[in-house]
Amino acid sequence: MLAFKPIQWLGFAAALASIALWIPLAWTDPYFEGMNKLSHPSLSFAMLVLPACLFFYGLLRARVILLVIAFLWSFPFNLALLFSSSIYALIGACGCIYLLCILLLRLNKIRY
């Protein structure tokens, strides 16, 4: 059994939620037309799914630097989606959870 802290489990859930919410965003979102002009869905994949995978991996390895890179990488899209008027604002909320995980893990002396 893997022994993870509760904040790590929250981070795992946020990363998986970002990936799960990206799937309908990539093909059916009528609210966020701006992403369609930028090689959609490959750009959204690179800006949401890949950082979520890196965040998940960083939690497994307990490396804060990977978490910071994933947060900064996904921050522009997370911020844009946080202020959208659709269910995809939850992706932005996952970005806030990323930041919360980084801060709490750093307070718990998890190494860089």
N, C-alpha and C. Protein backbone atom coordinates (compact mmCIF):
# COMPACT_ATOMS: atom_id res chain seq x y z
N MET A 1 0.84 -1.19 0.00
CA MET A 1 0.00 0.00 0.00
C MET A 1 0.88 1.24 0.00
N LEU A 2 0.57 2.16 -0.87
CA LEU A 2 1.33 3.40 -0.94
C LEU A 2 0.89 4.34 0.18
N ALA A 3 1.86 4.96 0.82
CA ALA A 3 1.57 5.87 1.93
C ALA A 3 1.71 7.31 1.46
N PHE A 4 0.62 7.89 1.02
CA PHE A 4 0.62 9.28 0.59
C PHE A 4 -0.11 10.12 1.61
N LYS A 5 0.27 11.38 1.68
CA LYS A 5 -0.41 12.32 2.57
C LYS A 5 -1.75 12.71 1.94
N PRO A 6 -2.71 13.13 2.77
CA PRO A 6 -4.02 13.53 2.22
C PRO A 6 -3.92 14.63 1.17
N ILE A 7 -2.99 15.55 1.32
CA ILE A 7 -2.86 16.61 0.33
C ILE A 7 -2.37 16.05 -1.00
N GLN A 8 -1.59 14.98 -0.96
CA GLN A 8 -1.17 14.35 -2.21
C GLN A 8 -2.36 13.68 -2.89
N TRP A 9 -3.23 13.07 -2.13
CA TRP A 9 -4.43 12.46 -2.71
C TRP A 9 -5.30 13.52 -3.36
N LEU A 10 -5.39 14.70 -2.73
CA LEU A 10 -6.13 15.81 -3.32
C LEU A 10 -5.49 16.24 -4.64
N GLY A 11 -4.17 16.27 -4.68
CA GLY A 11 -3.46 16.60 -5.92
C GLY A 11 -3.68 15.57 -7.01
N PHE A 12 -3.67 14.29 -6.64
CA PHE A 12 -3.97 13.24 -7.62
C PHE A 12 -5.37 13.43 -8.19
N ALA A 13 -6.33 13.71 -7.31
CA ALA A 13 -7.71 13.91 -7.75
C ALA A 13 -7.82 15.12 -8.68
N ALA A 14 -7.11 16.21 -8.37
CA ALA A 14 -7.16 17.41 -9.21
C ALA A 14 -6.56 17.13 -10.59
N ALA A 15 -5.46 16.41 -10.64
CA ALA A 15 -4.83 16.08 -11.93
C ALA A 15 -5.75 15.19 -12.76
N LEU A 16 -6.34 14.20 -12.14
CA LEU A 16 -7.25 13.30 -12.87
C LEU A 16 -8.52 14.05 -13.30
N ALA A 17 -9.01 14.97 -12.47
CA ALA A 17 -10.18 15.76 -12.84
C ALA A 17 -9.87 16.66 -14.03
N SER A 18 -8.67 17.24 -14.07
CA SER A 18 -8.30 18.07 -15.21
C SER A 18 -8.29 17.26 -16.50
N ILE A 19 -7.75 16.06 -16.42
CA ILE A 19 -7.71 15.20 -17.60
C ILE A 19 -9.13 14.79 -18.01
N ALA A 20 -9.95 14.42 -17.04
CA ALA A 20 -11.32 13.99 -17.34
C ALA A 20 -12.15 15.13 -17.91
N LEU A 21 -11.96 16.34 -17.43
CA LEU A 21 -12.72 17.48 -17.94
C LEU A 21 -12.21 17.95 -19.30
N TRP A 22 -10.96 17.65 -19.61
CA TRP A 22 -10.44 18.04 -20.91
C TRP A 22 -11.13 17.30 -22.05
N ILE A 23 -11.50 16.05 -21.80
CA ILE A 23 -12.07 15.21 -22.86
C ILE A 23 -13.31 15.87 -23.49
N PRO A 24 -14.32 16.27 -22.71
CA PRO A 24 -15.44 16.95 -23.37
C PRO A 24 -15.09 18.36 -23.85
N LEU A 25 -14.14 19.01 -23.18
CA LEU A 25 -13.72 20.35 -23.61
C LEU A 25 -13.13 20.31 -25.00
N ALA A 26 -12.38 19.27 -25.29
CA ALA A 26 -11.68 19.18 -26.58
C ALA A 26 -12.63 19.06 -27.76
N TRP A 27 -13.81 18.50 -27.55
CA TRP A 27 -14.68 18.25 -28.69
C TRP A 27 -16.04 18.93 -28.64
N THR A 28 -16.53 19.33 -27.49
CA THR A 28 -17.91 19.77 -27.45
C THR A 28 -18.15 21.13 -26.80
N ASP A 29 -17.14 21.84 -26.37
CA ASP A 29 -17.39 23.05 -25.60
C ASP A 29 -17.83 24.22 -26.48
N PRO A 30 -19.08 24.66 -26.35
CA PRO A 30 -19.53 25.80 -27.14
C PRO A 30 -19.22 27.14 -26.48
N TYR A 31 -18.74 27.13 -25.24
CA TYR A 31 -18.55 28.35 -24.49
C TYR A 31 -17.18 28.98 -24.66
N PHE A 32 -16.22 28.21 -25.12
CA PHE A 32 -14.85 28.71 -25.15
C PHE A 32 -14.32 28.67 -26.57
N GLU A 33 -14.89 29.48 -27.43
CA GLU A 33 -14.56 29.48 -28.85
C GLU A 33 -13.13 29.95 -29.14
N GLY A 34 -12.53 30.69 -28.22
CA GLY A 34 -11.19 31.19 -28.45
C GLY A 34 -10.15 30.11 -28.63
N MET A 35 -10.38 28.95 -28.02
CA MET A 35 -9.42 27.86 -28.14
C MET A 35 -9.50 27.20 -29.51
N ASN A 36 -10.63 27.36 -30.21
CA ASN A 36 -10.77 26.74 -31.53
C ASN A 36 -9.84 27.35 -32.56
N LYS A 37 -9.43 28.57 -32.37
CA LYS A 37 -8.57 29.26 -33.34
C LYS A 37 -7.10 28.86 -33.20
N LEU A 38 -6.75 28.16 -32.13
CA LEU A 38 -5.35 27.86 -31.86
C LEU A 38 -5.09 26.36 -31.91
N SER A 39 -5.28 25.77 -33.06
CA SER A 39 -5.03 24.34 -33.31
C SER A 39 -5.69 23.46 -32.25
N HIS A 40 -6.90 23.72 -32.00
CA HIS A 40 -7.70 22.99 -31.03
C HIS A 40 -7.92 21.57 -31.55
N PRO A 41 -7.83 20.50 -30.84
CA PRO A 41 -7.61 20.33 -29.42
C PRO A 41 -6.15 20.08 -29.02
N SER A 42 -5.22 20.13 -29.95
CA SER A 42 -3.84 19.81 -29.59
C SER A 42 -3.23 20.84 -28.64
N LEU A 43 -3.56 22.10 -28.80
CA LEU A 43 -3.02 23.11 -27.89
C LEU A 43 -3.60 22.94 -26.49
N SER A 44 -4.90 22.69 -26.40
CA SER A 44 -5.48 22.47 -25.08
C SER A 44 -4.92 21.21 -24.44
N PHE A 45 -4.61 20.19 -25.26
CA PHE A 45 -3.98 18.99 -24.73
C PHE A 45 -2.61 19.32 -24.13
N ALA A 46 -1.84 20.12 -24.86
CA ALA A 46 -0.50 20.49 -24.39
C ALA A 46 -0.56 21.40 -23.16
N MET A 47 -1.61 22.17 -23.03
CA MET A 47 -1.69 23.13 -21.93
C MET A 47 -2.46 22.63 -20.72
N LEU A 48 -3.20 21.54 -20.86
CA LEU A 48 -3.98 21.03 -19.73
C LEU A 48 -3.63 19.59 -19.36
N VAL A 49 -3.57 18.71 -20.33
CA VAL A 49 -3.36 17.29 -20.02
C VAL A 49 -1.90 16.99 -19.69
N LEU A 50 -0.99 17.48 -20.49
CA LEU A 50 0.43 17.20 -20.20
C LEU A 50 0.88 17.76 -18.85
N PRO A 51 0.49 19.01 -18.49
CA PRO A 51 0.85 19.48 -17.15
C PRO A 51 0.18 18.65 -16.04
N ALA A 52 -1.05 18.18 -16.28
CA ALA A 52 -1.71 17.33 -15.28
C ALA A 52 -0.93 16.03 -15.09
N CYS A 53 -0.44 15.47 -16.19
CA CYS A 53 0.38 14.25 -16.10
C CYS A 53 1.69 14.52 -15.35
N LEU A 54 2.30 15.66 -15.65
CA LEU A 54 3.53 16.03 -14.94
C LEU A 54 3.26 16.26 -13.47
N PHE A 55 2.14 16.88 -13.14
CA PHE A 55 1.78 17.10 -11.74
C PHE A 55 1.59 15.77 -11.03
N PHE A 56 0.90 14.84 -11.67
CA PHE A 56 0.68 13.51 -11.12
C PHE A 56 2.02 12.82 -10.87
N TYR A 57 2.92 12.89 -11.85
CA TYR A 57 4.24 12.28 -11.71
C TYR A 57 5.04 12.95 -10.60
N GLY A 58 4.95 14.27 -10.51
CA GLY A 58 5.65 15.00 -9.45
C GLY A 58 5.16 14.61 -8.07
N LEU A 59 3.86 14.34 -7.93
CA LEU A 59 3.33 13.87 -6.65
C LEU A 59 3.83 12.47 -6.32
N LEU A 60 3.91 11.61 -7.35
CA LEU A 60 4.43 10.26 -7.12
C LEU A 60 5.88 10.29 -6.67
N ARG A 61 6.68 11.17 -7.27
CA ARG A 61 8.10 11.27 -6.94
C ARG A 61 8.37 12.20 -5.76
N ALA A 62 7.34 12.91 -5.28
CA ALA A 62 7.45 13.87 -4.18
C ALA A 62 8.51 14.94 -4.49
N ARG A 63 8.40 15.52 -5.68
CA ARG A 63 9.31 16.58 -6.13
C ARG A 63 8.51 17.85 -6.39
N VAL A 64 8.74 18.85 -5.56
CA VAL A 64 7.99 20.10 -5.67
C VAL A 64 8.33 20.84 -6.96
N ILE A 65 9.55 20.74 -7.43
CA ILE A 65 9.93 21.46 -8.64
C ILE A 65 9.10 21.01 -9.84
N LEU A 66 8.78 19.73 -9.93
CA LEU A 66 7.92 19.24 -11.01
C LEU A 66 6.50 19.80 -10.87
N LEU A 67 6.05 19.93 -9.63
CA LEU A 67 4.73 20.49 -9.39
C LEU A 67 4.68 21.96 -9.79
N VAL A 68 5.72 22.70 -9.48
CA VAL A 68 5.78 24.11 -9.84
C VAL A 68 5.81 24.28 -11.36
N ILE A 69 6.60 23.46 -12.04
CA ILE A 69 6.65 23.52 -13.51
C ILE A 69 5.28 23.23 -14.10
N ALA A 70 4.60 22.21 -13.59
CA ALA A 70 3.27 21.86 -14.10
C ALA A 70 2.28 23.00 -13.84
N PHE A 71 2.34 23.60 -12.67
CA PHE A 71 1.43 24.71 -12.36
C PHE A 71 1.68 25.89 -13.29
N LEU A 72 2.93 26.28 -13.45
CA LEU A 72 3.24 27.44 -14.30
C LEU A 72 2.90 27.16 -15.77
N TRP A 73 3.11 25.93 -16.19
CA TRP A 73 2.83 25.53 -17.56
C TRP A 73 1.33 25.66 -17.87
N SER A 74 0.49 25.22 -16.94
CA SER A 74 -0.95 25.21 -17.20
C SER A 74 -1.66 26.48 -16.73
N PHE A 75 -0.95 27.40 -16.09
CA PHE A 75 -1.57 28.57 -15.50
C PHE A 75 -2.38 29.42 -16.48
N PRO A 76 -1.90 29.73 -17.69
CA PRO A 76 -2.70 30.58 -18.59
C PRO A 76 -4.08 29.99 -18.92
N PHE A 77 -4.12 28.71 -19.25
CA PHE A 77 -5.41 28.10 -19.58
C PHE A 77 -6.26 27.93 -18.33
N ASN A 78 -5.65 27.57 -17.21
CA ASN A 78 -6.41 27.44 -15.97
C ASN A 78 -7.06 28.76 -15.61
N LEU A 79 -6.33 29.84 -15.76
CA LEU A 79 -6.87 31.16 -15.43
C LEU A 79 -8.01 31.53 -16.37
N ALA A 80 -7.84 31.29 -17.66
CA ALA A 80 -8.89 31.59 -18.63
C ALA A 80 -10.15 30.77 -18.36
N LEU A 81 -9.97 29.50 -18.04
CA LEU A 81 -11.12 28.64 -17.79
C LEU A 81 -11.76 28.91 -16.44
N LEU A 82 -10.98 29.39 -15.48
CA LEU A 82 -11.53 29.71 -14.17
C LEU A 82 -12.59 30.78 -14.28
N PHE A 83 -12.42 31.71 -15.21
CA PHE A 83 -13.37 32.80 -15.37
C PHE A 83 -14.39 32.54 -16.48
N SER A 84 -14.46 31.32 -16.98
CA SER A 84 -15.48 31.00 -17.97
C SER A 84 -16.80 30.73 -17.23
N SER A 85 -17.87 30.78 -17.97
CA SER A 85 -19.19 30.60 -17.35
C SER A 85 -19.73 29.20 -17.62
N SER A 86 -18.86 28.22 -17.61
CA SER A 86 -19.30 26.86 -17.89
C SER A 86 -18.73 25.91 -16.84
N ILE A 87 -19.03 24.65 -17.02
CA ILE A 87 -18.54 23.62 -16.11
C ILE A 87 -17.02 23.55 -16.13
N TYR A 88 -16.41 24.08 -17.20
CA TYR A 88 -14.97 24.00 -17.34
C TYR A 88 -14.24 24.95 -16.40
N ALA A 89 -14.98 25.74 -15.66
CA ALA A 89 -14.35 26.53 -14.60
C ALA A 89 -13.74 25.61 -13.54
N LEU A 90 -14.21 24.37 -13.51
CA LEU A 90 -13.62 23.39 -12.58
C LEU A 90 -12.17 23.08 -12.94
N ILE A 91 -11.82 23.19 -14.22
CA ILE A 91 -10.41 23.01 -14.60
C ILE A 91 -9.58 24.12 -13.97
N GLY A 92 -10.10 25.33 -13.98
CA GLY A 92 -9.42 26.43 -13.30
C GLY A 92 -9.32 26.20 -11.80
N ALA A 93 -10.36 25.61 -11.22
CA ALA A 93 -10.32 25.28 -9.79
C ALA A 93 -9.25 24.22 -9.52
N CYS A 94 -9.06 23.31 -10.46
CA CYS A 94 -7.99 22.31 -10.31
C CYS A 94 -6.63 22.99 -10.29
N GLY A 95 -6.47 24.06 -11.06
CA GLY A 95 -5.23 24.83 -11.02
C GLY A 95 -5.01 25.46 -9.65
N CYS A 96 -6.09 25.90 -9.01
CA CYS A 96 -5.97 26.44 -7.65
C CYS A 96 -5.57 25.35 -6.67
N ILE A 97 -6.08 24.15 -6.89
CA ILE A 97 -5.70 23.02 -6.04
C ILE A 97 -4.24 22.66 -6.26
N TYR A 98 -3.76 22.78 -7.51
CA TYR A 98 -2.33 22.57 -7.76
C TYR A 98 -1.50 23.49 -6.87
N LEU A 99 -1.87 24.76 -6.87
CA LEU A 99 -1.12 25.74 -6.08
C LEU A 99 -1.21 25.42 -4.59
N LEU A 100 -2.38 25.04 -4.12
CA LEU A 100 -2.56 24.67 -2.72
C LEU A 100 -1.68 23.48 -2.35
N CYS A 101 -1.62 22.48 -3.22
CA CYS A 101 -0.78 21.31 -2.98
C CYS A 101 0.69 21.70 -2.90
N ILE A 102 1.12 22.55 -3.81
CA ILE A 102 2.52 22.99 -3.81
C ILE A 102 2.86 23.67 -2.49
N LEU A 103 2.01 24.58 -2.06
CA LEU A 103 2.28 25.32 -0.82
C LEU A 103 2.27 24.41 0.39
N LEU A 104 1.28 23.52 0.49
CA LEU A 104 1.21 22.65 1.65
C LEU A 104 2.32 21.60 1.67
N LEU A 105 2.67 21.08 0.52
CA LEU A 105 3.78 20.12 0.48
C LEU A 105 5.10 20.80 0.83
N ARG A 106 5.25 22.03 0.41
CA ARG A 106 6.48 22.76 0.75
C ARG A 106 6.54 23.05 2.24
N LEU A 107 5.38 23.34 2.84
CA LEU A 107 5.35 23.55 4.30
C LEU A 107 5.67 22.27 5.06
N ASN A 108 5.36 21.11 4.46
CA ASN A 108 5.66 19.82 5.07
C ASN A 108 7.07 19.34 4.77
N LYS A 109 7.89 20.24 4.23
CA LYS A 109 9.32 19.95 3.98
C LYS A 109 9.54 18.86 2.93
N ILE A 110 8.67 18.81 1.93
CA ILE A 110 8.93 17.92 0.80
C ILE A 110 10.03 18.56 -0.03
N ARG A 111 11.01 17.76 -0.45
CA ARG A 111 12.19 18.29 -1.12
C ARG A 111 11.86 18.82 -2.51
N TYR A 112 12.73 19.66 -3.00
CA TYR A 112 12.58 20.18 -4.35
C TYR A 112 12.95 19.11 -5.33
